[in-house]
PDB file of N, CA and C in Angstrom:
ATOM      1  N   MET A   1     132.964  69.447  91.925  1.00  0.00           N
ATOM      2  CA  MET A   1     134.343  69.675  92.311  1.00  0.00           C
ATOM      3  C   MET A   1     134.478  69.929  93.807  1.00  0.00           C
ATOM      4  N   LEU A   2     133.378  69.898  94.544  1.00  0.00           N
ATOM      5  CA  LEU A   2     133.411  70.134  95.977  1.00  0.00           C
ATOM      6  C   LEU A   2     133.815  68.875  96.740  1.00  0.00           C
ATOM      7  N   TYR A   3     133.734  67.724  96.103  1.00  0.00           N
ATOM      8  CA  TYR A   3     133.995  66.453  96.772  1.00  0.00           C
ATOM      9  C   TYR A   3     135.389  66.377  97.394  1.00  0.00           C
ATOM     10  N   PRO A   4     136.467  66.800  96.724  1.00  0.00           N
ATOM     11  CA  PRO A   4     137.781  66.713  97.360  1.00  0.00           C
ATOM     12  C   PRO A   4     137.912  67.565  98.616  1.00  0.00           C
ATOM     13  N   LEU A   5     137.142  68.619  98.738  1.00  0.00           N
ATOM     14  CA  LEU A   5     137.207  69.448  99.930  1.00  0.00           C
ATOM     15  C   LEU A   5     136.614  68.739 101.141  1.00  0.00           C
ATOM     16  N   ILE A   6     135.689  67.839 100.901  1.00  0.00           N
ATOM     17  CA  ILE A   6     135.047  67.114 101.989  1.00  0.00           C
ATOM     18  C   ILE A   6     135.979  66.058 102.568  1.00  0.00           C
ATOM     19  N   MET A   7     136.823  65.500 101.760  1.00  0.00           N
ATOM     20  CA  MET A   7     137.707  64.414 102.184  1.00  0.00           C
ATOM     21  C   MET A   7     138.956  64.971 102.876  1.00  0.00           C
ATOM     22  N   LEU A   8     138.818  65.385 104.133  1.00  0.00           N
ATOM     23  CA  LEU A   8     139.946  65.873 104.903  1.00  0.00           C
ATOM     24  C   LEU A   8     140.533  64.726 105.707  1.00  0.00           C
ATOM     25  N   GLY A   9     141.840  64.629 105.662  1.00  0.00           N
ATOM     26  CA  GLY A   9     142.518  63.606 106.439  1.00  0.00           C
ATOM     27  C   GLY A   9     142.814  64.101 107.842  1.00  0.00           C
ATOM     28  N   THR A  10     143.413  63.236 108.634  1.00  0.00           N
ATOM     29  CA  THR A  10     143.728  63.562 110.015  1.00  0.00           C
ATOM     30  C   THR A  10     144.692  64.735 110.101  1.00  0.00           C
ATOM     31  N   TRP A  11     145.733  64.720 109.296  1.00  0.00           N
ATOM     32  CA  TRP A  11     146.736  65.777 109.366  1.00  0.00           C
ATOM     33  C   TRP A  11     146.185  67.112 108.897  1.00  0.00           C
ATOM     34  N   GLU A  12     145.280  67.100 107.962  1.00  0.00           N
ATOM     35  CA  GLU A  12     144.683  68.352 107.524  1.00  0.00           C
ATOM     36  C   GLU A  12     143.837  68.969 108.637  1.00  0.00           C
ATOM     37  N   ILE A  13     143.089  68.125 109.337  1.00  0.00           N
ATOM     38  CA  ILE A  13     142.264  68.613 110.439  1.00  0.00           C
ATOM     39  C   ILE A  13     143.146  69.148 111.560  1.00  0.00           C
ATOM     40  N   VAL A  14     144.226  68.448 111.871  1.00  0.00           N
ATOM     41  CA  VAL A  14     145.171  68.898 112.901  1.00  0.00           C
ATOM     42  C   VAL A  14     145.758  70.253 112.511  1.00  0.00           C
ATOM     43  N   ALA A  15     146.116  70.420 111.251  1.00  0.00           N
ATOM     44  CA  ALA A  15     146.690  71.681 110.789  1.00  0.00           C
ATOM     45  C   ALA A  15     145.672  72.814 110.906  1.00  0.00           C
ATOM     46  N   ILE A  16     144.430  72.553 110.545  1.00  0.00           N
ATOM     47  CA  ILE A  16     143.386  73.578 110.641  1.00  0.00           C
ATOM     48  C   ILE A  16     143.171  73.983 112.095  1.00  0.00           C
ATOM     49  N   VAL A  17     143.110  73.018 112.998  1.00  0.00           N
ATOM     50  CA  VAL A  17     142.929  73.308 114.417  1.00  0.00           C
ATOM     51  C   VAL A  17     144.105  74.123 114.948  1.00  0.00           C
ATOM     52  N   ALA A  18     145.326  73.768 114.550  1.00  0.00           N
ATOM     53  CA  ALA A  18     146.515  74.504 114.993  1.00  0.00           C
ATOM     54  C   ALA A  18     146.469  75.954 114.512  1.00  0.00           C
ATOM     55  N   VAL A  19     146.084  76.178 113.271  1.00  0.00           N
ATOM     56  CA  VAL A  19     146.002  77.543 112.743  1.00  0.00           C
ATOM     57  C   VAL A  19     144.937  78.340 113.490  1.00  0.00           C
ATOM     58  N   VAL A  20     143.797  77.717 113.760  1.00  0.00           N
ATOM     59  CA  VAL A  20     142.733  78.400 114.498  1.00  0.00           C
ATOM     60  C   VAL A  20     143.216  78.764 115.895  1.00  0.00           C
ATOM     61  N   LEU A  21     143.916  77.858 116.556  1.00  0.00           N
ATOM     62  CA  LEU A  21     144.449  78.155 117.887  1.00  0.00           C
ATOM     63  C   LEU A  21     145.447  79.304 117.841  1.00  0.00           C
ATOM     64  N   LEU A  22     146.294  79.323 116.843  1.00  0.00           N
ATOM     65  CA  LEU A  22     147.278  80.399 116.735  1.00  0.00           C
ATOM     66  C   LEU A  22     146.612  81.742 116.444  1.00  0.00           C
ATOM     67  N   LEU A  23     145.600  81.738 115.607  1.00  0.00           N
ATOM     68  CA  LEU A  23     144.952  82.994 115.227  1.00  0.00           C
ATOM     69  C   LEU A  23     144.069  83.569 116.338  1.00  0.00           C
ATOM     70  N   PHE A  24     143.291  82.727 116.986  1.00  0.00           N
ATOM     71  CA  PHE A  24     142.288  83.220 117.922  1.00  0.00           C
ATOM     72  C   PHE A  24     142.650  83.005 119.382  1.00  0.00           C
ATOM     73  N   GLY A  25     143.539  82.094 119.685  1.00  0.00           N
ATOM     74  CA  GLY A  25     143.872  81.809 121.069  1.00  0.00           C
ATOM     75  C   GLY A  25     142.827  80.923 121.723  1.00  0.00           C
ATOM     76  N   GLY A  26     143.193  80.341 122.826  1.00  0.00           N
ATOM     77  CA  GLY A  26     142.331  79.382 123.517  1.00  0.00           C
ATOM     78  C   GLY A  26     141.090  79.989 124.132  1.00  0.00           C
ATOM     79  N   ARG A  27     141.141  81.269 124.490  1.00  0.00           N
ATOM     80  CA  ARG A  27     140.005  81.882 125.170  1.00  0.00           C
ATOM     81  C   ARG A  27     138.886  82.274 124.214  1.00  0.00           C
ATOM     82  N   LYS A  28     139.205  82.574 122.984  1.00  0.00           N
ATOM     83  CA  LYS A  28     138.192  83.022 122.023  1.00  0.00           C
ATOM     84  C   LYS A  28     137.444  81.861 121.364  1.00  0.00           C
ATOM     85  N   ILE A  29     138.030  80.691 121.364  1.00  0.00           N
ATOM     86  CA  ILE A  29     137.436  79.559 120.652  1.00  0.00           C
ATOM     87  C   ILE A  29     136.064  79.181 121.203  1.00  0.00           C
ATOM     88  N   PRO A  30     135.862  79.099 122.541  1.00  0.00           N
ATOM     89  CA  PRO A  30     134.505  78.780 123.021  1.00  0.00           C
ATOM     90  C   PRO A  30     133.461  79.795 122.560  1.00  0.00           C
ATOM     91  N   GLU A  31     133.837  81.077 122.521  1.00  0.00           N
ATOM     92  CA  GLU A  31     132.902  82.091 122.047  1.00  0.00           C
ATOM     93  C   GLU A  31     132.587  81.893 120.570  1.00  0.00           C
ATOM     94  N   LEU A  32     133.595  81.572 119.791  1.00  0.00           N
ATOM     95  CA  LEU A  32     133.389  81.328 118.367  1.00  0.00           C
ATOM     96  C   LEU A  32     132.489  80.120 118.140  1.00  0.00           C
ATOM     97  N   MET A  33     132.712  79.055 118.886  1.00  0.00           N
ATOM     98  CA  MET A  33     131.902  77.843 118.735  1.00  0.00           C
ATOM     99  C   MET A  33     130.461  78.087 119.181  1.00  0.00           C
ATOM    100  N   LYS A  34     130.284  78.896 120.220  1.00  0.00           N
ATOM    101  CA  LYS A  34     128.933  79.225 120.678  1.00  0.00           C
ATOM    102  C   LYS A  34     128.184  79.989 119.589  1.00  0.00           C
ATOM    103  N   GLY A  35     128.847  80.951 118.984  1.00  0.00           N
ATOM    104  CA  GLY A  35     128.231  81.703 117.893  1.00  0.00           C
ATOM    105  C   GLY A  35     127.928  80.829 116.699  1.00  0.00           C
ATOM    106  N   LEU A  36     128.855  79.926 116.387  1.00  0.00           N
ATOM    107  CA  LEU A  36     128.639  78.994 115.273  1.00  0.00           C
ATOM    108  C   LEU A  36     127.456  78.085 115.558  1.00  0.00           C
ATOM    109  N   GLY A  37     127.356  77.607 116.787  1.00  0.00           N
ATOM    110  CA  GLY A  37     126.237  76.744 117.168  1.00  0.00           C
ATOM    111  C   GLY A  37     124.900  77.459 117.058  1.00  0.00           C
ATOM    112  N   LYS A  38     124.867  78.722 117.485  1.00  0.00           N
ATOM    113  CA  LYS A  38     123.626  79.496 117.364  1.00  0.00           C
ATOM    114  C   LYS A  38     123.251  79.698 115.902  1.00  0.00           C
ATOM    115  N   GLY A  39     124.257  79.947 115.075  1.00  0.00           N
ATOM    116  CA  GLY A  39     123.988  80.129 113.648  1.00  0.00           C
ATOM    117  C   GLY A  39     123.431  78.874 113.010  1.00  0.00           C
ATOM    118  N   VAL A  40     123.997  77.735 113.358  1.00  0.00           N
ATOM    119  CA  VAL A  40     123.519  76.458 112.816  1.00  0.00           C
ATOM    120  C   VAL A  40     122.097  76.186 113.298  1.00  0.00           C
ATOM    121  N   LYS A  41     121.834  76.484 114.563  1.00  0.00           N
ATOM    122  CA  LYS A  41     120.491  76.265 115.117  1.00  0.00           C
ATOM    123  C   LYS A  41     119.459  77.126 114.387  1.00  0.00           C
ATOM    124  N   GLU A  42     119.780  78.391 114.152  1.00  0.00           N
ATOM    125  CA  GLU A  42     118.862  79.274 113.445  1.00  0.00           C
ATOM    126  C   GLU A  42     118.649  78.807 112.008  1.00  0.00           C
ATOM    127  N   PHE A  43     119.706  78.327 111.380  1.00  0.00           N
ATOM    128  CA  PHE A  43     119.597  77.828 110.011  1.00  0.00           C
ATOM    129  C   PHE A  43     118.663  76.623 109.956  1.00  0.00           C
ATOM    130  N   LYS A  44     118.818  75.700 110.888  1.00  0.00           N
ATOM    131  CA  LYS A  44     117.957  74.513 110.921  1.00  0.00           C
ATOM    132  C   LYS A  44     116.499  74.901 111.181  1.00  0.00           C
ATOM    133  N   GLU A  45     116.276  75.849 112.089  1.00  0.00           N
ATOM    134  CA  GLU A  45     114.908  76.294 112.359  1.00  0.00           C
ATOM    135  C   GLU A  45     114.294  76.921 111.116  1.00  0.00           C
ATOM    136  N   GLY A  46     115.081  77.709 110.402  1.00  0.00           N
ATOM    137  CA  GLY A  46     114.589  78.314 109.171  1.00  0.00           C
ATOM    138  C   GLY A  46     114.252  77.267 108.122  1.00  0.00           C
ATOM    139  N   MET A  47     115.096  76.258 107.989  1.00  0.00           N
ATOM    140  CA  MET A  47     114.845  75.189 107.024  1.00  0.00           C
ATOM    141  C   MET A  47     113.588  74.414 107.398  1.00  0.00           C
ATOM    142  N   ASN A  48     113.402  74.134 108.674  1.00  0.00           N
ATOM    143  CA  ASN A  48     112.191  73.426 109.114  1.00  0.00           C
ATOM    144  C   ASN A  48     110.945  74.248 108.838  1.00  0.00           C
ATOM    145  N   GLU A  49     111.033  75.560 109.040  1.00  0.00           N
ATOM    146  CA  GLU A  49     109.893  76.431 108.774  1.00  0.00           C
ATOM    147  C   GLU A  49     109.537  76.438 107.289  1.00  0.00           C
ATOM    148  N   VAL A  50     110.544  76.487 106.447  1.00  0.00           N
ATOM    149  CA  VAL A  50     110.306  76.472 105.003  1.00  0.00           C
ATOM    150  C   VAL A  50     109.689  75.141 104.585  1.00  0.00           C
ATOM    151  N   GLU A  51     110.185  74.031 105.133  1.00  0.00           N
ATOM    152  CA  GLU A  51     109.622  72.716 104.810  1.00  0.00           C
ATOM    153  C   GLU A  51     108.155  72.634 105.227  1.00  0.00           C
ATOM    154  N   LYS A  52     107.818  73.182 106.404  1.00  0.00           N
ATOM    155  CA  LYS A  52     106.428  73.165 106.861  1.00  0.00           C
ATOM    156  C   LYS A  52     105.544  73.977 105.924  1.00  0.00           C
ATOM    157  N   GLU A  53     106.042  75.133 105.475  1.00  0.00           N
ATOM    158  CA  GLU A  53     105.259  75.960 104.556  1.00  0.00           C
ATOM    159  C   GLU A  53     105.042  75.255 103.219  1.00  0.00           C
ATOM    160  N   ILE A  54     106.063  74.575 102.747  1.00  0.00           N
ATOM    161  CA  ILE A  54     105.947  73.856 101.474  1.00  0.00           C
ATOM    162  C   ILE A  54     104.941  72.723 101.609  1.00  0.00           C
ATOM    163  N   LYS A  55     105.003  71.978 102.697  1.00  0.00           N
ATOM    164  CA  LYS A  55     104.055  70.887 102.908  1.00  0.00           C
ATOM    165  C   LYS A  55     102.631  71.417 103.042  1.00  0.00           C
ATOM    166  N   ALA A  56     102.472  72.552 103.709  1.00  0.00           N
ATOM    167  CA  ALA A  56     101.139  73.130 103.871  1.00  0.00           C
ATOM    168  C   ALA A  56     100.592  73.596 102.524  1.00  0.00           C
ATOM    169  N   ASP A  57     101.442  74.117 101.656  1.00  0.00           N
ATOM    170  CA  ASP A  57     100.997  74.570 100.342  1.00  0.00           C
ATOM    171  C   ASP A  57     100.669  73.400  99.419  1.00  0.00           C
ATOM    172  N   ASP A  58     101.325  72.270  99.610  1.00  0.00           N
ATOM    173  CA  ASP A  58     101.091  71.106  98.757  1.00  0.00           C
ATOM    174  C   ASP A  58      99.772  70.413  99.071  1.00  0.00           C
ATOM    175  N   GLN A  59      99.313  70.497 100.307  1.00  0.00           N
ATOM    176  CA  GLN A  59      98.091  69.813 100.695  1.00  0.00           C
ATOM    177  C   GLN A  59      96.883  70.661 100.305  1.00  0.00           C
ATOM    178  N   PRO A  60      95.944  70.077  99.575  1.00  0.00           N
ATOM    179  CA  PRO A  60      94.739  70.842  99.206  1.00  0.00           C
ATOM    180  C   PRO A  60      93.871  71.074 100.435  1.00  0.00           C
ATOM    181  N   GLN A  61      93.221  72.210 100.475  1.00  0.00           N
ATOM    182  CA  GLN A  61      92.343  72.534 101.595  1.00  0.00           C
ATOM    183  C   GLN A  61      90.935  72.056 101.298  1.00  0.00           C
ATOM    184  N   LYS A  62      90.110  71.953 102.325  1.00  0.00           N
ATOM    185  CA  LYS A  62      88.743  71.461 102.174  1.00  0.00           C
ATOM    186  C   LYS A  62      87.928  72.359 101.249  1.00  0.00           C
ATOM    187  N   ASP A  63      88.162  73.656 101.294  1.00  0.00           N
ATOM    188  CA  ASP A  63      87.413  74.574 100.460  1.00  0.00           C
ATOM    189  C   ASP A  63      87.685  74.326  98.987  1.00  0.00           C
ATOM    190  N   ASP A  64      88.878  73.887  98.631  1.00  0.00           N
ATOM    191  CA  ASP A  64      89.211  73.632  97.230  1.00  0.00           C
ATOM    192  C   ASP A  64      88.348  72.512  96.666  1.00  0.00           C
ATOM    193  N   TYR A  65      88.082  71.490  97.465  1.00  0.00           N
ATOM    194  CA  TYR A  65      87.260  70.373  96.984  1.00  0.00           C
ATOM    195  C   TYR A  65      85.806  70.784  96.799  1.00  0.00           C
ATOM    196  N   SER A  66      85.290  71.579  97.737  1.00  0.00           N
ATOM    197  CA  SER A  66      83.887  71.949  97.665  1.00  0.00           C
ATOM    198  C   SER A  66      83.620  72.851  96.442  1.00  0.00           C
ATOM    199  N   LYS A  67      84.564  73.653  96.054  1.00  0.00           N
ATOM    200  CA  LYS A  67      84.390  74.531  94.900  1.00  0.00           C
ATOM    201  C   LYS A  67      84.404  73.730  93.591  1.00  0.00           C
ATOM    202  N   GLU A  68      85.223  72.689  93.547  1.00  0.00           N
ATOM    203  CA  GLU A  68      85.323  71.886  92.328  1.00  0.00           C
ATOM    204  C   GLU A  68      84.065  71.055  92.087  1.00  0.00           C
ATOM    205  N   GLU A  69      83.391  70.609  93.154  1.00  0.00           N
ATOM    206  CA  GLU A  69      82.225  69.759  93.010  1.00  0.00           C
ATOM    207  C   GLU A  69      81.015  70.524  92.481  1.00  0.00           C
ATOM    208  N   LYS A  70      80.920  71.803  92.724  1.00  0.00           N
ATOM    209  CA  LYS A  70      79.749  72.594  92.329  1.00  0.00           C
ATOM    210  C   LYS A  70      79.780  72.928  90.917  1.00  0.00           C
TER     211      LYS A  70
END
């Protein structure tokens, strides 16, 4: 049911931008976007770290093979 929320038209985006401008004013928006950008960057770094850990756990280590052969 999330699909209709993704399909925003031009007028919906214009309305959202207008409401944001009215609520926060022109001076606060750059600060808000900077904070949002930092949050997205940290989220991506966290996701990359988790992916690296998962890949490292999936790969067998050399010691695992030597124990199985004996």
